[in-house]
C-alpha atoms as a PDB file:
ATOM      1  CA  MET A   1     115.331  41.963 131.150  1.00  0.00           C
ATOM      2  CA  GLU A   2     113.286  43.335 128.289  1.00  0.00           C
ATOM      3  CA  PRO A   3     114.481  46.589 126.651  1.00  0.00           C
ATOM      4  CA  LYS A   4     112.427  49.701 127.318  1.00  0.00           C
ATOM      5  CA  LYS A   5     109.891  50.391 124.576  1.00  0.00           C
ATOM      6  CA  GLU A   6     110.521  53.496 122.502  1.00  0.00           C
ATOM      7  CA  SER A   7     107.707  56.054 122.300  1.00  0.00           C
ATOM      8  CA  GLU A   8     106.242  57.164 118.987  1.00  0.00           C
ATOM      9  CA  SER A   9     107.518  60.778 119.338  1.00  0.00           C
ATOM     10  CA  THR A  10     111.061  59.508 120.124  1.00  0.00           C
ATOM     11  CA  ARG A  11     111.082  57.337 117.029  1.00  0.00           C
ATOM     12  CA  ILE A  12     109.987  60.313 114.895  1.00  0.00           C
ATOM     13  CA  ALA A  13     112.757  62.521 116.314  1.00  0.00           C
ATOM     14  CA  ARG A  14     115.349  59.756 115.798  1.00  0.00           C
ATOM     15  CA  ARG A  15     114.267  59.295 112.189  1.00  0.00           C
ATOM     16  CA  LYS A  16     114.485  63.032 111.503  1.00  0.00           C
ATOM     17  CA  ARG A  17     118.000  63.224 112.982  1.00  0.00           C
ATOM     18  CA  GLY A  18     119.070  60.203 110.922  1.00  0.00           C
ATOM     19  CA  GLY A  19     117.778  61.767 107.740  1.00  0.00           C
ATOM     20  CA  ASP A  20     115.296  58.955 107.063  1.00  0.00           C
ATOM     21  CA  PHE A  21     111.900  60.470 107.840  1.00  0.00           C
ATOM     22  CA  VAL A  22     108.906  58.147 107.980  1.00  0.00           C
ATOM     23  CA  SER A  23     105.519  59.618 108.776  1.00  0.00           C
ATOM     24  CA  SER A  24     103.765  58.187 111.785  1.00  0.00           C
ATOM     25  CA  PRO A  25     100.277  56.705 111.627  1.00  0.00           C
ATOM     26  CA  ARG A  26      97.318  58.982 112.354  1.00  0.00           C
ATOM     27  CA  PRO A  27      96.584  58.823 116.092  1.00  0.00           C
ATOM     28  CA  SER A  28      93.135  58.319 117.470  1.00  0.00           C
ATOM     29  CA  LYS A  29      91.045  61.169 118.807  1.00  0.00           C
ATOM     30  CA  SER A  30      91.856  60.182 122.368  1.00  0.00           C
ATOM     31  CA  LEU A  31      95.609  60.729 121.730  1.00  0.00           C
ATOM     32  CA  ARG A  32      95.312  64.116 120.014  1.00  0.00           C
ATOM     33  CA  ARG A  33      96.530  67.204 121.833  1.00  0.00           C
ATOM     34  CA  THR A  34      95.153  70.665 121.094  1.00  0.00           C
ATOM     35  CA  ASP A  35      96.892  72.801 123.731  1.00  0.00           C
ATOM     36  CA  SER A  36      99.946  74.874 122.836  1.00  0.00           C
ATOM     37  CA  GLN A  37     103.311  73.922 124.300  1.00  0.00           C
ATOM     38  CA  ALA A  38     104.374  75.864 127.406  1.00  0.00           C
ATOM     39  CA  GLU A  39     106.991  73.473 128.828  1.00  0.00           C
ATOM     40  CA  PRO A  40     110.535  72.826 127.473  1.00  0.00           C
ATOM     41  CA  CYS A  41     111.222  70.073 124.973  1.00  0.00           C
ATOM     42  CA  THR A  42     111.504  66.629 126.582  1.00  0.00           C
ATOM     43  CA  LEU A  43     114.480  65.686 124.370  1.00  0.00           C
ATOM     44  CA  CYS A  44     116.769  68.727 124.193  1.00  0.00           C
ATOM     45  CA  GLY A  45     115.328  70.991 126.892  1.00  0.00           C
ATOM     46  CA  ALA A  46     114.824  73.970 124.521  1.00  0.00           C
ATOM     47  CA  ASN A  47     111.710  76.094 124.723  1.00  0.00           C
ATOM     48  CA  GLU A  48     111.498  77.183 121.103  1.00  0.00           C
ATOM     49  CA  TRP A  49     108.427  75.902 119.292  1.00  0.00           C
ATOM     50  CA  ASP A  50     107.311  76.344 115.681  1.00  0.00           C
ATOM     51  CA  THR A  51     103.723  75.766 114.603  1.00  0.00           C
ATOM     52  CA  ASP A  52     102.935  74.571 111.093  1.00  0.00           C
ATOM     53  CA  MET A  53      99.278  75.486 110.587  1.00  0.00           C
ATOM     54  CA  THR A  54      99.155  73.729 107.196  1.00  0.00           C
ATOM     55  CA  ARG A  55     100.184  70.327 108.576  1.00  0.00           C
ATOM     56  CA  GLY A  56      98.765  70.906 112.056  1.00  0.00           C
ATOM     57  CA  GLU A  57     102.033  70.239 113.904  1.00  0.00           C
ATOM     58  CA  THR A  58     104.018  71.848 116.716  1.00  0.00           C
ATOM     59  CA  VAL A  59     107.759  71.147 116.281  1.00  0.00           C
ATOM     60  CA  CYS A  60     110.790  71.972 118.412  1.00  0.00           C
ATOM     61  CA  SER A  61     112.937  74.317 116.344  1.00  0.00           C
ATOM     62  CA  SER A  62     116.165  73.003 117.956  1.00  0.00           C
ATOM     63  CA  CYS A  63     115.949  69.213 117.605  1.00  0.00           C
ATOM     64  CA  GLY A  64     112.929  68.701 115.379  1.00  0.00           C
ATOM     65  CA  PHE A  65     110.840  66.868 117.980  1.00  0.00           C
ATOM     66  CA  VAL A  66     107.156  66.812 116.940  1.00  0.00           C
ATOM     67  CA  ALA A  67     105.259  67.547 120.127  1.00  0.00           C
ATOM     68  CA  GLU A  68     101.801  67.937 118.607  1.00  0.00           C
ATOM     69  CA  GLN A  69     100.262  66.730 115.393  1.00  0.00           C
ATOM     70  CA  ASN A  70      96.812  66.733 113.801  1.00  0.00           C
ATOM     71  CA  MET A  71      95.928  69.854 115.763  1.00  0.00           C
ATOM     72  CA  ILE A  72      92.420  71.257 115.376  1.00  0.00           C
ATOM     73  CA  ASP A  73      92.313  74.655 113.699  1.00  0.00           C
ATOM     74  CA  PRO A  74      89.989  76.937 115.726  1.00  0.00           C
ATOM     75  CA  GLY A  75      89.669  79.461 112.883  1.00  0.00           C
ATOM     76  CA  ALA A  76      86.986  79.817 110.249  1.00  0.00           C
ATOM     77  CA  GLU A  77      86.442  76.874 107.935  1.00  0.00           C
ATOM     78  CA  TRP A  78      86.810  77.495 104.202  1.00  0.00           C
ATOM     79  CA  VAL A  79      86.130  74.232 102.420  1.00  0.00           C
ATOM     80  CA  ASN A  80      84.968  73.771  98.855  1.00  0.00           C
ATOM     81  CA  HIS A  81      83.132  70.520  98.216  1.00  0.00           C
ATOM     82  CA  SER A  82      82.632  71.199  94.509  1.00  0.00           C
ATOM     83  CA  ASP A  83      85.037  71.437  91.588  1.00  0.00           C
ATOM     84  CA  SER A  84      85.068  75.259  91.415  1.00  0.00           C
ATOM     85  CA  ALA A  85      87.967  77.432  92.536  1.00  0.00           C
ATOM     86  CA  ASP A  86      85.845  79.432  95.008  1.00  0.00           C
ATOM     87  CA  ARG A  87      86.297  78.098  98.552  1.00  0.00           C
ATOM     88  CA  SER A  88      83.720  80.410 100.128  1.00  0.00           C
ATOM     89  CA  ARG A  89      80.582  78.639 101.286  1.00  0.00           C
ATOM     90  CA  VAL A  90      79.165  81.023 103.869  1.00  0.00           C
ATOM     91  CA  GLY A  91      77.842  83.818 101.621  1.00  0.00           C
ATOM     92  CA  ALA A  92      78.162  87.560 102.054  1.00  0.00           C
ATOM     93  CA  PRO A  93      78.539  89.071 105.568  1.00  0.00           C
ATOM     94  CA  THR A  94      75.553  90.613 107.301  1.00  0.00           C
ATOM     95  CA  THR A  95      74.956  94.312 106.818  1.00  0.00           C
ATOM     96  CA  VAL A  96      72.594  96.676 108.612  1.00  0.00           C
ATOM     97  CA  SER A  97      71.906  98.597 105.395  1.00  0.00           C
ATOM     98  CA  LEU A  98      69.491  95.829 104.326  1.00  0.00           C
ATOM     99  CA  SER A  99      66.147  95.397 106.053  1.00  0.00           C
ATOM    100  CA  ASP A 100      66.782  91.702 106.810  1.00  0.00           C
ATOM    101  CA  LYS A 101      70.560  92.257 107.262  1.00  0.00           C
ATOM    102  CA  GLY A 102      71.163  90.108 104.180  1.00  0.00           C
ATOM    103  CA  LEU A 103      70.262  86.831 105.929  1.00  0.00           C
ATOM    104  CA  SER A 104      67.420  85.807 103.594  1.00  0.00           C
ATOM    105  CA  THR A 105      67.687  84.490 100.056  1.00  0.00           C
ATOM    106  CA  VAL A 106      66.634  86.603  97.089  1.00  0.00           C
ATOM    107  CA  ILE A 107      65.364  85.572  93.652  1.00  0.00           C
ATOM    108  CA  ASP A 108      67.301  87.979  91.467  1.00  0.00           C
ATOM    109  CA  LYS A 109      65.063  89.377  88.735  1.00  0.00           C
ATOM    110  CA  ARG A 110      68.082  90.183  86.584  1.00  0.00           C
ATOM    111  CA  ASP A 111      68.273  86.479  85.715  1.00  0.00           C
ATOM    112  CA  LEU A 112      64.681  86.627  84.456  1.00  0.00           C
ATOM    113  CA  ILE A 113      65.322  89.258  81.768  1.00  0.00           C
ATOM    114  CA  GLY A 114      64.837  88.020  78.214  1.00  0.00           C
ATOM    115  CA  SER A 115      68.477  87.609  77.166  1.00  0.00           C
ATOM    116  CA  ASN A 116      69.633  86.179  80.510  1.00  0.00           C
ATOM    117  CA  ALA A 117      66.659  83.822  80.636  1.00  0.00           C
ATOM    118  CA  ARG A 118      67.464  82.486  77.174  1.00  0.00           C
ATOM    119  CA  MET A 119      71.078  81.939  78.201  1.00  0.00           C
ATOM    120  CA  ASN A 120      69.821  79.875  81.169  1.00  0.00           C
ATOM    121  CA  GLY A 121      67.589  77.807  78.863  1.00  0.00           C
ATOM    122  CA  MET A 122      64.286  79.110  80.253  1.00  0.00           C
ATOM    123  CA  SER A 123      61.142  79.294  78.194  1.00  0.00           C
ATOM    124  CA  SER A 124      58.702  82.221  78.323  1.00  0.00           C
ATOM    125  CA  ARG A 125      56.337  80.209  80.513  1.00  0.00           C
ATOM    126  CA  GLN A 126      59.104  79.402  82.993  1.00  0.00           C
ATOM    127  CA  VAL A 127      60.177  83.054  83.093  1.00  0.00           C
ATOM    128  CA  ARG A 128      56.604  84.099  83.864  1.00  0.00           C
ATOM    129  CA  ASP A 129      56.331  81.523  86.648  1.00  0.00           C
ATOM    130  CA  TRP A 130      59.639  82.569  88.212  1.00  0.00           C
ATOM    131  CA  ARG A 131      58.679  86.250  88.106  1.00  0.00           C
ATOM    132  CA  ARG A 132      55.526  85.378  89.998  1.00  0.00           C
ATOM    133  CA  ARG A 133      57.568  83.424  92.528  1.00  0.00           C
ATOM    134  CA  ALA A 134      59.967  86.370  92.963  1.00  0.00           C
ATOM    135  CA  THR A 135      57.040  88.712  93.660  1.00  0.00           C
ATOM    136  CA  ILE A 136      55.545  86.314  96.205  1.00  0.00           C
ATOM    137  CA  ASP A 137      58.952  85.865  97.839  1.00  0.00           C
ATOM    138  CA  GLN A 138      59.406  89.634  98.171  1.00  0.00           C
ATOM    139  CA  ARG A 139      55.930  90.095  99.643  1.00  0.00           C
ATOM    140  CA  SER A 140      56.449  87.294 102.146  1.00  0.00           C
ATOM    141  CA  LYS A 141      59.428  89.147 103.671  1.00  0.00           C
ATOM    142  CA  THR A 142      57.501  92.375 104.335  1.00  0.00           C
ATOM    143  CA  ARG A 143      54.243  91.149 105.815  1.00  0.00           C
ATOM    144  CA  ASP A 144      54.446  93.147 109.063  1.00  0.00           C
ATOM    145  CA  SER A 145      54.577  96.937 109.171  1.00  0.00           C
ATOM    146  CA  ARG A 146      58.062  97.126 110.723  1.00  0.00           C
ATOM    147  CA  SER A 147      59.609  95.049 107.919  1.00  0.00           C
ATOM    148  CA  ARG A 148      57.968  97.262 105.292  1.00  0.00           C
ATOM    149  CA  ASN A 149      59.177 100.340 107.138  1.00  0.00           C
ATOM    150  CA  LEU A 150      62.770  99.097 107.308  1.00  0.00           C
ATOM    151  CA  ALA A 151      62.779  97.950 103.682  1.00  0.00           C
ATOM    152  CA  LYS A 152      61.655 101.374 102.454  1.00  0.00           C
ATOM    153  CA  ALA A 153      63.990 103.271 104.789  1.00  0.00           C
ATOM    154  CA  MET A 154      67.076 101.221 103.864  1.00  0.00           C
ATOM    155  CA  GLN A 155      66.258 101.804 100.177  1.00  0.00           C
ATOM    156  CA  PHE A 156      66.152 105.567 100.828  1.00  0.00           C
ATOM    157  CA  ILE A 157      69.528 105.503 102.587  1.00  0.00           C
ATOM    158  CA  ARG A 158      71.195 103.449  99.846  1.00  0.00           C
ATOM    159  CA  ASP A 159      69.765 105.391  96.909  1.00  0.00           C
ATOM    160  CA  ARG A 160      69.693 108.972  98.213  1.00  0.00           C
ATOM    161  CA  GLY A 161      72.182 109.080 101.101  1.00  0.00           C
ATOM    162  CA  ASP A 162      75.272 109.459  98.877  1.00  0.00           C
ATOM    163  CA  LEU A 163      77.488 108.108 101.660  1.00  0.00           C
ATOM    164  CA  PRO A 164      80.431 105.685 101.659  1.00  0.00           C
ATOM    165  CA  PRO A 165      79.592 102.108 102.759  1.00  0.00           C
ATOM    166  CA  GLN A 166      80.787 102.550 106.355  1.00  0.00           C
ATOM    167  CA  LEU A 167      78.723 105.706 106.926  1.00  0.00           C
ATOM    168  CA  ARG A 168      75.773 104.140 105.118  1.00  0.00           C
ATOM    169  CA  ASP A 169      75.803 101.323 107.672  1.00  0.00           C
ATOM    170  CA  GLN A 170      76.082 103.876 110.474  1.00  0.00           C
ATOM    171  CA  ALA A 171      73.062 105.797 109.165  1.00  0.00           C
ATOM    172  CA  SER A 172      71.129 102.514 108.908  1.00  0.00           C
ATOM    173  CA  ALA A 173      72.047 101.663 112.501  1.00  0.00           C
ATOM    174  CA  LEU A 174      70.838 105.103 113.646  1.00  0.00           C
ATOM    175  CA  TYR A 175      67.519 104.562 111.892  1.00  0.00           C
ATOM    176  CA  ARG A 176      67.074 101.172 113.561  1.00  0.00           C
ATOM    177  CA  LYS A 177      67.673 102.786 116.960  1.00  0.00           C
ATOM    178  CA  ALA A 178      65.159 105.499 116.070  1.00  0.00           C
ATOM    179  CA  VAL A 179      62.577 102.797 115.262  1.00  0.00           C
ATOM    180  CA  GLU A 180      63.223 101.071 118.600  1.00  0.00           C
ATOM    181  CA  LYS A 181      62.719 104.363 120.469  1.00  0.00           C
ATOM    182  CA  GLY A 182      59.481 105.080 118.569  1.00  0.00           C
ATOM    183  CA  LEU A 183      60.771 108.237 116.864  1.00  0.00           C
ATOM    184  CA  VAL A 184      59.411 107.192 113.461  1.00  0.00           C
ATOM    185  CA  THR A 185      55.814 106.994 114.632  1.00  0.00           C
ATOM    186  CA  GLY A 186      53.895 109.983 113.299  1.00  0.00           C
ATOM    187  CA  ARG A 187      56.754 111.138 111.082  1.00  0.00           C
ATOM    188  CA  SER A 188      57.594 110.423 107.475  1.00  0.00           C
ATOM    189  CA  ILE A 189      60.138 107.706 106.680  1.00  0.00           C
ATOM    190  CA  ARG A 190      61.778 110.080 104.219  1.00  0.00           C
ATOM    191  CA  GLY A 191      62.319 112.746 106.893  1.00  0.00           C
ATOM    192  CA  VAL A 192      63.760 110.390 109.533  1.00  0.00           C
ATOM    193  CA  THR A 193      66.112 108.708 107.040  1.00  0.00           C
ATOM    194  CA  ALA A 194      67.324 112.132 105.871  1.00  0.00           C
ATOM    195  CA  ALA A 195      67.970 113.112 109.502  1.00  0.00           C
ATOM    196  CA  CYS A 196      69.932 109.883 110.109  1.00  0.00           C
ATOM    197  CA  VAL A 197      72.038 110.484 106.980  1.00  0.00           C
ATOM    198  CA  TYR A 198      72.834 114.042 108.079  1.00  0.00           C
ATOM    199  CA  ILE A 199      73.733 112.960 111.640  1.00  0.00           C
ATOM    200  CA  ALA A 200      75.948 110.096 110.409  1.00  0.00           C
ATOM    201  CA  ALA A 201      77.857 112.500 108.146  1.00  0.00           C
ATOM    202  CA  ARG A 202      78.121 115.098 110.910  1.00  0.00           C
ATOM    203  CA  GLU A 203      79.482 112.574 113.423  1.00  0.00           C
ATOM    204  CA  ALA A 204      82.125 111.539 110.871  1.00  0.00           C
ATOM    205  CA  LYS A 205      83.023 115.234 110.310  1.00  0.00           C
ATOM    206  CA  ILE A 206      82.068 115.069 106.638  1.00  0.00           C
ATOM    207  CA  PRO A 207      80.450 118.366 105.551  1.00  0.00           C
ATOM    208  CA  ARG A 208      76.819 117.989 104.492  1.00  0.00           C
ATOM    209  CA  ARG A 209      74.506 120.990 104.481  1.00  0.00           C
ATOM    210  CA  ILE A 210      70.923 120.418 105.579  1.00  0.00           C
ATOM    211  CA  GLU A 211      69.705 122.021 102.358  1.00  0.00           C
ATOM    212  CA  ASP A 212      71.752 119.542 100.294  1.00  0.00           C
ATOM    213  CA  ILE A 213      70.353 116.572 102.219  1.00  0.00           C
ATOM    214  CA  ALA A 214      66.803 117.921 101.841  1.00  0.00           C
ATOM    215  CA  GLU A 215      67.278 118.307  98.094  1.00  0.00           C
ATOM    216  CA  LYS A 216      68.493 114.725  97.705  1.00  0.00           C
ATOM    217  CA  PHE A 217      65.459 113.422  99.608  1.00  0.00           C
ATOM    218  CA  ASP A 218      63.033 115.600  97.563  1.00  0.00           C
ATOM    219  CA  MET A 219      62.202 117.837 100.541  1.00  0.00           C
ATOM    220  CA  ILE A 220      62.318 121.112  98.652  1.00  0.00           C
ATOM    221  CA  LYS A 221      59.501 123.084 100.284  1.00  0.00           C
ATOM    222  CA  GLU A 222      60.324 125.428 103.135  1.00  0.00           C
ATOM    223  CA  VAL A 223      57.930 123.601 105.449  1.00  0.00           C
ATOM    224  CA  GLU A 224      59.654 120.291 104.702  1.00  0.00           C
ATOM    225  CA  VAL A 225      63.094 121.765 105.400  1.00  0.00           C
ATOM    226  CA  LYS A 226      61.890 123.150 108.758  1.00  0.00           C
ATOM    227  CA  GLU A 227      60.420 119.760 109.641  1.00  0.00           C
ATOM    228  CA  LEU A 228      63.736 118.104 108.719  1.00  0.00           C
ATOM    229  CA  LYS A 229      65.611 120.434 111.072  1.00  0.00           C
ATOM    230  CA  ARG A 230      63.205 119.576 113.901  1.00  0.00           C
ATOM    231  CA  THR A 231      63.657 115.852 113.200  1.00  0.00           C
ATOM    232  CA  ILE A 232      67.443 116.212 113.216  1.00  0.00           C
ATOM    233  CA  ARG A 233      67.336 117.922 116.635  1.00  0.00           C
ATOM    234  CA  LEU A 234      64.979 115.249 117.998  1.00  0.00           C
ATOM    235  CA  VAL A 235      66.969 112.264 116.715  1.00  0.00           C
ATOM    236  CA  ALA A 236      70.278 113.781 117.848  1.00  0.00           C
ATOM    237  CA  ARG A 237      68.896 114.443 121.326  1.00  0.00           C
ATOM    238  CA  GLU A 238      67.323 110.997 121.753  1.00  0.00           C
ATOM    239  CA  LEU A 239      70.287 109.037 120.341  1.00  0.00           C
ATOM    240  CA  GLY A 240      72.962 111.085 122.108  1.00  0.00           C
ATOM    241  CA  THR A 241      74.799 112.419 119.042  1.00  0.00           C
ATOM    242  CA  HIS A 242      75.873 115.945 119.975  1.00  0.00           C
ATOM    243  CA  HIS A 243      78.790 116.722 117.679  1.00  0.00           C
ATOM    244  CA  ILE A 244      78.775 120.406 116.684  1.00  0.00           C
ATOM    245  CA  THR A 245      79.862 121.210 113.144  1.00  0.00           C
ATOM    246  CA  GLY A 246      82.512 123.927 112.868  1.00  0.00           C
ATOM    247  CA  PRO A 247      83.554 126.163 109.955  1.00  0.00           C
ATOM    248  CA  THR A 248      86.832 124.262 109.450  1.00  0.00           C
ATOM    249  CA  GLU A 249      84.914 121.149 108.373  1.00  0.00           C
ATOM    250  CA  TYR A 250      83.533 123.051 105.363  1.00  0.00           C
ATOM    251  CA  LEU A 251      86.758 124.759 104.292  1.00  0.00           C
ATOM    252  CA  ASP A 252      88.168 121.831 102.277  1.00  0.00           C
ATOM    253  CA  LYS A 253      84.940 121.240 100.372  1.00  0.00           C
ATOM    254  CA  PHE A 254      84.242 124.914  99.614  1.00  0.00           C
ATOM    255  CA  HIS A 255      87.883 125.435  98.661  1.00  0.00           C
ATOM    256  CA  SER A 256      87.591 122.603  96.141  1.00  0.00           C
ATOM    257  CA  ASP A 257      84.238 123.831  94.785  1.00  0.00           C
ATOM    258  CA  LEU A 258      85.620 127.341  94.242  1.00  0.00           C
ATOM    259  CA  GLN A 259      88.781 125.923  92.544  1.00  0.00           C
ATOM    260  CA  LEU A 260      91.130 128.057  94.626  1.00  0.00           C
ATOM    261  CA  PRO A 261      94.914 127.539  94.920  1.00  0.00           C
ATOM    262  CA  PRO A 262      96.306 125.771  98.033  1.00  0.00           C
ATOM    263  CA  LYS A 263      97.699 128.956  99.580  1.00  0.00           C
ATOM    264  CA  VAL A 264      94.143 130.306  99.947  1.00  0.00           C
ATOM    265  CA  LEU A 265      93.199 127.389 102.174  1.00  0.00           C
ATOM    266  CA  GLY A 266      96.267 127.989 104.331  1.00  0.00           C
ATOM    267  CA  ARG A 267      95.404 131.680 104.641  1.00  0.00           C
ATOM    268  CA  ALA A 268      91.782 130.846 105.581  1.00  0.00           C
ATOM    269  CA  ASN A 269      92.935 128.501 108.354  1.00  0.00           C
ATOM    270  CA  GLU A 270      95.327 131.192 109.590  1.00  0.00           C
ATOM    271  CA  ILE A 271      92.532 133.768 109.777  1.00  0.00           C
ATOM    272  CA  TRP A 272      90.290 131.328 111.627  1.00  0.00           C
ATOM    273  CA  ASP A 273      93.021 130.560 114.171  1.00  0.00           C
ATOM    274  CA  GLN A 274      93.175 134.281 114.907  1.00  0.00           C
ATOM    275  CA  THR A 275      89.426 134.818 115.307  1.00  0.00           C
ATOM    276  CA  LYS A 276      87.939 131.473 116.424  1.00  0.00           C
ATOM    277  CA  ASN A 277      87.702 132.505 120.088  1.00  0.00           C
ATOM    278  CA  ASP A 278      85.777 135.694 119.318  1.00  0.00           C
ATOM    279  CA  LEU A 279      82.254 135.736 120.763  1.00  0.00           C
ATOM    280  CA  ALA A 280      80.934 137.556 117.688  1.00  0.00           C
ATOM    281  CA  TRP A 281      80.715 134.201 115.818  1.00  0.00           C
ATOM    282  CA  GLN A 282      78.213 132.730 118.258  1.00  0.00           C
ATOM    283  CA  GLY A 283      74.908 131.921 116.568  1.00  0.00           C
ATOM    284  CA  LYS A 284      76.323 132.336 113.066  1.00  0.00           C
ATOM    285  CA  LYS A 285      75.968 129.617 110.437  1.00  0.00           C
ATOM    286  CA  PRO A 286      79.186 127.534 110.161  1.00  0.00           C
ATOM    287  CA  SER A 287      78.941 127.260 106.372  1.00  0.00           C
ATOM    288  CA  GLY A 288      78.572 131.043 106.128  1.00  0.00           C
ATOM    289  CA  ILE A 289      81.647 131.590 108.309  1.00  0.00           C
ATOM    290  CA  ALA A 290      83.623 129.174 106.129  1.00  0.00           C
ATOM    291  CA  GLY A 291      82.462 131.080 103.039  1.00  0.00           C
ATOM    292  CA  VAL A 292      83.540 134.471 104.373  1.00  0.00           C
ATOM    293  CA  LEU A 293      86.900 133.061 105.463  1.00  0.00           C
ATOM    294  CA  LEU A 294      87.575 131.819 101.936  1.00  0.00           C
ATOM    295  CA  TYR A 295      86.298 135.088 100.431  1.00  0.00           C
ATOM    296  CA  ARG A 296      88.675 137.141 102.570  1.00  0.00           C
ATOM    297  CA  ALA A 297      91.584 134.691 102.064  1.00  0.00           C
ATOM    298  CA  SER A 298      91.130 134.672  98.284  1.00  0.00           C
ATOM    299  CA  ALA A 299      91.257 138.488  98.262  1.00  0.00           C
ATOM    300  CA  ASP A 300      94.424 138.485 100.381  1.00  0.00           C
ATOM    301  CA  CYS A 301      96.137 135.972  98.068  1.00  0.00           C
ATOM    302  CA  GLY A 302      95.116 137.659  94.819  1.00  0.00           C
ATOM    303  CA  SER A 303      92.697 134.903  93.699  1.00  0.00           C
ATOM    304  CA  ASN A 304      89.504 136.905  93.982  1.00  0.00           C
ATOM    305  CA  ARG A 305      86.067 135.304  93.811  1.00  0.00           C
ATOM    306  CA  THR A 306      82.822 137.242  93.556  1.00  0.00           C
ATOM    307  CA  GLN A 307      80.343 137.288  96.409  1.00  0.00           C
ATOM    308  CA  ASN A 308      77.799 135.563  94.172  1.00  0.00           C
ATOM    309  CA  GLU A 309      80.151 132.635  93.515  1.00  0.00           C
ATOM    310  CA  VAL A 310      80.940 132.206  97.201  1.00  0.00           C
ATOM    311  CA  CYS A 311      77.269 132.430  98.191  1.00  0.00           C
ATOM    312  CA  LYS A 312      76.257 129.729  95.716  1.00  0.00           C
ATOM    313  CA  VAL A 313      78.809 127.354  97.215  1.00  0.00           C
ATOM    314  CA  CYS A 314      78.224 128.008 100.922  1.00  0.00           C
ATOM    315  CA  GLY A 315      74.432 128.454 100.684  1.00  0.00           C
ATOM    316  CA  VAL A 316      73.969 131.915 102.236  1.00  0.00           C
ATOM    317  CA  SER A 317      72.710 135.191 100.828  1.00  0.00           C
ATOM    318  CA  GLU A 318      74.975 138.041  99.776  1.00  0.00           C
ATOM    319  CA  VAL A 319      73.551 140.209 102.577  1.00  0.00           C
ATOM    320  CA  THR A 320      74.582 137.579 105.139  1.00  0.00           C
ATOM    321  CA  LEU A 321      78.028 137.290 103.562  1.00  0.00           C
ATOM    322  CA  ARG A 322      78.598 141.048 103.684  1.00  0.00           C
ATOM    323  CA  GLY A 323      77.513 141.144 107.344  1.00  0.00           C
ATOM    324  CA  LEU A 324      79.964 138.367 108.237  1.00  0.00           C
ATOM    325  CA  LEU A 325      82.678 140.097 106.221  1.00  0.00           C
ATOM    326  CA  LYS A 326      82.151 143.287 108.214  1.00  0.00           C
ATOM    327  CA  ILE A 327      82.610 141.368 111.469  1.00  0.00           C
ATOM    328  CA  LEU A 328      85.743 139.702 110.105  1.00  0.00           C
ATOM    329  CA  ASN A 329      87.324 142.918 108.836  1.00  0.00           C
ATOM    330  CA  GLN A 330      86.841 144.570 112.220  1.00  0.00           C
ATOM    331  CA  ARG A 331      88.811 141.845 113.993  1.00  0.00           C
ATOM    332  CA  VAL A 332      91.528 140.587 111.687  1.00  0.00           C
ATOM    333  CA  PRO A 333      93.469 143.906 111.345  1.00  0.00           C
ATOM    334  CA  LYS A 334      93.244 144.470 115.090  1.00  0.00           C
ATOM    335  CA  LEU A 335      94.723 141.063 115.854  1.00  0.00           C
ATOM    336  CA  GLU A 336      97.427 141.446 113.204  1.00  0.00           C
ATOM    337  CA  ASP A 337      98.472 144.853 114.593  1.00  0.00           C
ATOM    338  CA  SER A 338      98.725 143.425 118.083  1.00  0.00           C
END
């Protein structure tokens, strides 16, 4: 009677227990297993498995039995086929802040400047030819009106939005939705991009005054500011962004601009907690309310600021500030007495 043949996995386990480990030959594709182990070990009965992602093996942690080998890694592939240390071969990730989402190639004109061109061994004739090719390449990407519109709008958001990268992408996504809904037709690209920047900052609860946004986008005239406010209301209504800015969102910024001590900010928040449910604040500008809260809190804490200084920071007139201060003084003592 012939002895029973020993399987390959049994021989590997026996060699590991004996201390003399010999690697097994690479199995064919038909013998490879890619599923994780859910059943107990066939040798010791334990159900404790360790996976070595570097070697592609699943091993029993009790007896050392190799249940799987040459496993296929389902993750991203990072392989470098050149001699450099960089293993990345997929390029930068896509971003909505670029008109083509960064999927197309670009001939960088920085490499065609005199000093850089000489370092790359390019003659003046070659530099001239490559500059012409770069111009043609740029024009070929913006042949239709929508591509030109997106290219100009994304440039506005990047250069004038003054937003962190995450909010910049959010503002770019809002503008793309506005283009799909036809909100840009008949309106200036500058105005719609400014409205998207303001709405993105407002949704993230980052204080941005409309006047500050208008100044960054060169919309200084009163007519342009009014048109920007109309565009903001339209875009917010059509895209479903209805966050309402409150005075507390401006307190940190105004407190920093006025260079007040920390106790003033605490006092301003305390005053607002006492008066925030009062109906007298309805219809009042949130930045003006934040300014009068800091003005009153600075006076209470002995770090006085003039009305002119507070008005310059919060963007209201001194008449408006005095009117808000009158409302505040009528309510704070009454609440404190009660």
